[in-house]
Amino acid sequence: MADFEYDKSRAMKQTDFTPCARCGKGVMHTGLPLFYRVTIERMGSDGQAVQRQHGLEMMLGGHAKIANVMGPNDDMGLPIGPANKGLLCETCASDYDFSFGELFESLSKKTGDAEEAA
């Protein structure tokens, strides 16, 4: 049992484990009992909302915080497609030659495969 408090709703059962999204090996293949659970979302900006907010900031002398309080609080970042989730082993997560785009594509293929199987 861990010596720290953790959110039990985020704990994982054996059936929740999948191979590493990058190398395809088990997430504890190095013997180290640490791994990462990641969620990656691709986002896009709403150009009109950004332009409106920037205009308000300029009218208020460049004070972004004041414009944020006075503005319409529009959604400026919008998700493009579903969030992709997966696990990463410690080796892949600590690799400096790492691309989030590559990981996103790998996770989206696995998510698509799981949806097709269901």
C-alpha atoms as a PDB file:
ATOM      1  CA  MET A   1       0.000   0.000   0.000  1.00  0.00           C
ATOM      2  CA  ALA A   2       1.257   3.464  -0.824  1.00  0.00           C
ATOM      3  CA  ASP A   3       2.406   5.811   1.966  1.00  0.00           C
ATOM      4  CA  PHE A   4       0.504   8.681   0.370  1.00  0.00           C
ATOM      5  CA  GLU A   5      -3.155   9.429  -0.242  1.00  0.00           C
ATOM      6  CA  TYR A   6      -4.373   8.832  -3.771  1.00  0.00           C
ATOM      7  CA  ASP A   7      -7.619   9.277  -5.629  1.00  0.00           C
ATOM      8  CA  LYS A   8      -9.077   5.762  -5.690  1.00  0.00           C
ATOM      9  CA  SER A   9     -11.380   6.692  -8.571  1.00  0.00           C
ATOM     10  CA  ARG A  10      -8.272   7.070 -10.770  1.00  0.00           C
ATOM     11  CA  ALA A  11      -6.701   3.737  -9.741  1.00  0.00           C
ATOM     12  CA  MET A  12      -6.302   1.010 -12.361  1.00  0.00           C
ATOM     13  CA  LYS A  13      -7.385  -2.626 -12.330  1.00  0.00           C
ATOM     14  CA  GLN A  14      -5.520  -5.325 -14.244  1.00  0.00           C
ATOM     15  CA  THR A  15      -8.030  -5.087 -17.101  1.00  0.00           C
ATOM     16  CA  ASP A  16      -7.179  -1.369 -17.512  1.00  0.00           C
ATOM     17  CA  PHE A  17      -3.572  -2.095 -18.491  1.00  0.00           C
ATOM     18  CA  THR A  18      -2.551  -1.918 -22.133  1.00  0.00           C
ATOM     19  CA  PRO A  19       0.885  -2.105 -23.748  1.00  0.00           C
ATOM     20  CA  CYS A  20       2.966   1.048 -24.029  1.00  0.00           C
ATOM     21  CA  ALA A  21       1.488   3.279 -26.731  1.00  0.00           C
ATOM     22  CA  ARG A  22       4.949   3.941 -28.145  1.00  0.00           C
ATOM     23  CA  CYS A  23       7.015   0.724 -27.989  1.00  0.00           C
ATOM     24  CA  GLY A  24       4.205  -1.828 -27.605  1.00  0.00           C
ATOM     25  CA  LYS A  25       5.861  -3.586 -24.656  1.00  0.00           C
ATOM     26  CA  GLY A  26       4.334  -3.990 -21.215  1.00  0.00           C
ATOM     27  CA  VAL A  27       4.505  -0.730 -19.285  1.00  0.00           C
ATOM     28  CA  MET A  28       6.675  -2.283 -16.553  1.00  0.00           C
ATOM     29  CA  HIS A  29       9.000  -4.234 -18.878  1.00  0.00           C
ATOM     30  CA  THR A  30      12.102  -2.573 -17.405  1.00  0.00           C
ATOM     31  CA  GLY A  31      11.272  -3.856 -13.931  1.00  0.00           C
ATOM     32  CA  LEU A  32      10.595  -0.339 -12.687  1.00  0.00           C
ATOM     33  CA  PRO A  33       7.032  -0.197 -11.298  1.00  0.00           C
ATOM     34  CA  LEU A  34       6.370   3.283 -12.699  1.00  0.00           C
ATOM     35  CA  PHE A  35       4.600   4.305 -15.888  1.00  0.00           C
ATOM     36  CA  TYR A  36       2.507   7.162 -17.256  1.00  0.00           C
ATOM     37  CA  ARG A  37      -1.174   7.323 -18.143  1.00  0.00           C
ATOM     38  CA  VAL A  38      -1.562  10.071 -20.734  1.00  0.00           C
ATOM     39  CA  THR A  39      -4.439  11.856 -22.399  1.00  0.00           C
ATOM     40  CA  ILE A  40      -3.715  13.958 -25.461  1.00  0.00           C
ATOM     41  CA  GLU A  41      -6.218  16.227 -27.172  1.00  0.00           C
ATOM     42  CA  ARG A  42      -5.661  18.090 -30.391  1.00  0.00           C
ATOM     43  CA  MET A  43      -7.050  21.588 -30.116  1.00  0.00           C
ATOM     44  CA  GLY A  44      -7.722  24.431 -32.504  1.00  0.00           C
ATOM     45  CA  SER A  45      -8.360  28.074 -31.824  1.00  0.00           C
ATOM     46  CA  ASP A  46     -11.586  29.898 -32.671  1.00  0.00           C
ATOM     47  CA  GLY A  47     -10.158  32.772 -34.701  1.00  0.00           C
ATOM     48  CA  GLN A  48     -13.164  35.053 -34.276  1.00  0.00           C
ATOM     49  CA  ALA A  49     -13.224  34.601 -30.487  1.00  0.00           C
ATOM     50  CA  VAL A  50      -9.480  35.265 -30.290  1.00  0.00           C
ATOM     51  CA  GLN A  51      -9.841  38.360 -32.458  1.00  0.00           C
ATOM     52  CA  ARG A  52     -12.714  39.703 -30.303  1.00  0.00           C
ATOM     53  CA  GLN A  53     -10.781  39.137 -27.088  1.00  0.00           C
ATOM     54  CA  HIS A  54      -7.620  40.693 -28.504  1.00  0.00           C
ATOM     55  CA  GLY A  55      -9.600  43.745 -29.645  1.00  0.00           C
ATOM     56  CA  LEU A  56     -11.013  44.171 -26.146  1.00  0.00           C
ATOM     57  CA  GLU A  57      -7.525  43.864 -24.669  1.00  0.00           C
ATOM     58  CA  MET A  58      -6.264  46.580 -27.030  1.00  0.00           C
ATOM     59  CA  MET A  59      -9.188  48.862 -26.117  1.00  0.00           C
ATOM     60  CA  LEU A  60      -8.286  48.398 -22.447  1.00  0.00           C
ATOM     61  CA  GLY A  61      -4.663  49.373 -22.977  1.00  0.00           C
ATOM     62  CA  GLY A  62      -3.293  45.849 -23.271  1.00  0.00           C
ATOM     63  CA  HIS A  63      -4.603  44.685 -19.895  1.00  0.00           C
ATOM     64  CA  ALA A  64      -5.431  41.031 -20.627  1.00  0.00           C
ATOM     65  CA  LYS A  65      -6.690  40.260 -17.118  1.00  0.00           C
ATOM     66  CA  ILE A  66      -9.183  43.126 -17.147  1.00  0.00           C
ATOM     67  CA  ALA A  67     -10.335  42.134 -20.630  1.00  0.00           C
ATOM     68  CA  ASN A  68     -10.771  38.569 -19.421  1.00  0.00           C
ATOM     69  CA  VAL A  69     -13.105  39.708 -16.627  1.00  0.00           C
ATOM     70  CA  MET A  70     -15.049  42.140 -18.817  1.00  0.00           C
ATOM     71  CA  GLY A  71     -15.215  39.990 -21.945  1.00  0.00           C
ATOM     72  CA  PRO A  72     -17.813  37.405 -22.996  1.00  0.00           C
ATOM     73  CA  ASN A  73     -15.637  34.459 -21.821  1.00  0.00           C
ATOM     74  CA  ASP A  74     -15.944  32.714 -25.195  1.00  0.00           C
ATOM     75  CA  ASP A  75     -14.453  29.284 -25.841  1.00  0.00           C
ATOM     76  CA  MET A  76     -11.188  30.113 -27.568  1.00  0.00           C
ATOM     77  CA  GLY A  77      -9.681  26.621 -27.763  1.00  0.00           C
ATOM     78  CA  LEU A  78     -11.858  23.937 -29.329  1.00  0.00           C
ATOM     79  CA  PRO A  79     -11.185  20.183 -29.372  1.00  0.00           C
ATOM     80  CA  ILE A  80     -10.654  18.626 -32.779  1.00  0.00           C
ATOM     81  CA  GLY A  81     -11.825  15.038 -32.485  1.00  0.00           C
ATOM     82  CA  PRO A  82     -11.802  12.842 -29.403  1.00  0.00           C
ATOM     83  CA  ALA A  83      -9.182  12.797 -26.666  1.00  0.00           C
ATOM     84  CA  ASN A  84      -6.744   9.910 -27.078  1.00  0.00           C
ATOM     85  CA  LYS A  85      -5.654   7.998 -23.980  1.00  0.00           C
ATOM     86  CA  GLY A  86      -2.978   5.407 -23.332  1.00  0.00           C
ATOM     87  CA  LEU A  87      -0.076   4.256 -21.209  1.00  0.00           C
ATOM     88  CA  LEU A  88       3.638   4.947 -21.595  1.00  0.00           C
ATOM     89  CA  CYS A  89       6.453   2.928 -20.080  1.00  0.00           C
ATOM     90  CA  GLU A  90       9.136   4.816 -18.158  1.00  0.00           C
ATOM     91  CA  THR A  91      11.692   4.265 -20.943  1.00  0.00           C
ATOM     92  CA  CYS A  92       9.534   5.809 -23.678  1.00  0.00           C
ATOM     93  CA  ALA A  93       8.321   8.641 -21.443  1.00  0.00           C
ATOM     94  CA  SER A  94      11.888   9.681 -20.614  1.00  0.00           C
ATOM     95  CA  ASP A  95      13.135   9.465 -24.224  1.00  0.00           C
ATOM     96  CA  TYR A  96      14.150  12.927 -25.428  1.00  0.00           C
ATOM     97  CA  ASP A  97      13.619  11.950 -29.068  1.00  0.00           C
ATOM     98  CA  PHE A  98       9.867  12.015 -28.542  1.00  0.00           C
ATOM     99  CA  SER A  99       7.075  13.451 -30.640  1.00  0.00           C
ATOM    100  CA  PHE A 100       3.624  14.228 -29.263  1.00  0.00           C
ATOM    101  CA  GLY A 101       2.287  14.113 -32.816  1.00  0.00           C
ATOM    102  CA  GLU A 102       3.608  10.578 -33.219  1.00  0.00           C
ATOM    103  CA  LEU A 103       2.119   9.581 -29.861  1.00  0.00           C
ATOM    104  CA  PHE A 104      -1.220  11.205 -30.739  1.00  0.00           C
ATOM    105  CA  GLU A 105      -1.403   9.250 -33.995  1.00  0.00           C
ATOM    106  CA  SER A 106      -0.433   6.014 -32.249  1.00  0.00           C
ATOM    107  CA  LEU A 107      -3.088   6.528 -29.570  1.00  0.00           C
ATOM    108  CA  SER A 108      -5.762   7.496 -32.111  1.00  0.00           C
ATOM    109  CA  LYS A 109      -5.118   4.267 -34.051  1.00  0.00           C
ATOM    110  CA  LYS A 110      -5.476   2.233 -30.848  1.00  0.00           C
ATOM    111  CA  THR A 111      -8.630   4.151 -29.893  1.00  0.00           C
ATOM    112  CA  GLY A 112     -10.054   3.575 -33.372  1.00  0.00           C
ATOM    113  CA  ASP A 113      -9.204  -0.141 -33.209  1.00  0.00           C
ATOM    114  CA  ALA A 114     -10.935  -0.433 -29.815  1.00  0.00           C
ATOM    115  CA  GLU A 115     -14.044   1.361 -31.097  1.00  0.00           C
ATOM    116  CA  GLU A 116     -14.228  -0.922 -34.145  1.00  0.00           C
ATOM    117  CA  ALA A 117     -13.965  -4.025 -31.959  1.00  0.00           C
ATOM    118  CA  ALA A 118     -16.818  -2.869 -29.684  1.00  0.00           C
END
